[in-house]
Amino acid sequence: MSNDSGPAPDTDISGVPVPAPSATAWFHCFAGIAGDMALGSLLDAGADLDEVVDMVRRLPLGGWALEAEPVLRGGIAATRAVVRVTEDSVVRTHSHIVGLIEEARLPERARRRSLAAFDALARAEGALHRRPPSQVHFHEVGGHDAVVDIVGTSAALEILGVDLVTASAVATGTGVVRTAHGILPNPAPAVVELLRGVPTQGRDINVELTTPSGAAILTATASAYGPLPTMTITATGFGAGQRDLDQLPNCTQVVLGTPLESGASVPGQPVSLLEVNVDDATGEALAHAVGALMAAGAHDAWVTPVIMKKGRPGHTVSVLADTALAASLSEILRVETGSLGVRGQVLERWPASRSLQEVDVEGVPVRVKVSPGRIKVEHDDAARAARRTGLPLREVVSRAEEAWRQRTWPGPDDEAG
C-alpha cells in the first residue's frame, strides 16, 4: 500500500525538483512608505507572523515583540506592524548593526537585503554629515523597532519567496518633521538622499509619508519603478501607518504575483551594467574590487583582459546590478579601481527561477542553489565544510548534491510500503 502524503513534486527530466515559479512584489507607495508599513503590507499579504518573528529572533537583540494589528485606514482593511520595545536607549553605529545581522543565521538573500538597507542608510547619513559611512551613528533608524522593521521586511520577502521587487513612484509629504537632529524639512534630507534617482511625487500633506527606513528598504530591494508589472496577481496586502489621514488612506500596498513566461514580448528585469577600463591596477586590487562589489549587492562582477590605446595591456572591470544600486556601486567601482570615471547602460535580463536551500554534510550546513535541471553547491560553504571535515572539496560537493536529492526525491527504499 502506498504511503504517499500528497502528489510528488514537479521534476525535470533528470529527476531534480523544479522550484515553484518566482514571485514578484510591487510596492504601491501612493501614501509613501515606512519600515512598519512595508512589513505590515507583507504580513497582510500572507507572510506568516510567527515565521517572521522566528527569523528576526536570530539577531542577538532582545527586549522586543512584534505584533500584527488589524486596522482600517481610509476605510481600507490593513495590518499595522507594531514593535513593542521594553528598553532601547542604545545609539548604534553602522558597524554595530552590521555585526548584529552578520551574527544571525539569516537566509542569504534576507541577510543581503538587510545589510543593503543599512548600508544605504549609512551612506545617506554619511553624505549629509560629511562623515565616512562606518562612523555614522544611527538614532531613530538604529533602534529596536527600525531594526525589526527592516530585517522583518527582508524576512517576510524571503518567506513569501519574492525574487523581484519593484515599486511605484514614491509619495512624500511637506512641512517639517521632528527628529533626533531637531526640526528638519519634510521629506527629511536622508529620505531625499536615499530616493536619489527614484521617481517621487510630493503631496501637500504635512505628514512624514516616507521615512528613512522605508526609503532604505526600497533602495535595497527595488530593481525598477513604475506601474504594476506584467504578472499574474496572487495576493495583495496593505500596511498601515500610525495615524489615519483625512486626505488619503495612510498605508502602503504590496501586490504579489507570478511573472509571465519570458519572451520577446515580455519585459525583462532592468539591470545596470557598469564598467571601467584600468591599466595600472594589480591583480590583488582587481580581486578586491570584485569582492567589494559582490558584498555590496551586485548580481555579478568580473574582470576581462583588454588591449587599450597605444597597445597598453589593461583590464575591464564589469558589474551587473539592480538599477537601484547603480549609484552606490559606481562609487565603489571608481574608488576601488582608481578609475577617473564609470560608464554604464541599462539592460534587461530574464533570470530563471531558483531557490537557496540548505543540506547537512557531516554535521556542517551547506547551501545549495536549485533551479530547473540543475543543483549548484555554494562554493564558500563547500570549502568551509571541506576544512572542517577533512574531506576533499569534490566529495563535499557530491555529498551535498546527493543529500538534496535524497531529501526532496526519495528513492523506493525510502518510501513506506
Foldseek 3Di string as FASTA:
>chain_A
DFPDPDDAADADPVLFHADDFAKEKEKEQPLFFDLQQLLFWLVQFPQDPVQLVVQLVLFPDDFKDWDWDWDAAPNDTATGIDIHGPDWPDFDALVRLLVRLVSGPHPPQLSLLLNLLSLLLLVLQCVVVVHHSRGDTHDVCPTPVNSSSRSSSSSSCVSVRHDAYAYEAHEWEFDWDQDPVGIATTVHSSLVSLCVVGHHDYDHDNDGSYDSSTSSSCLSGHLYYHDDFAFAWDTKHWYADPDHDPPGGSTMMMTMGGHDDDDPVHFFRKKKKKKDKDQPDDPVLLVVLQVVLVSSAFPHKDKDWDQDPPRGIIIMIITIHRPSCVVVNQVSNCVSRVGPGMDMDMDGDHDFDWDWDWDADPNQIWIWIDHRPDIHTDQVSLVVVCVVPVDDSVVSRVVRVVRSSCVSPNDPVPTDD
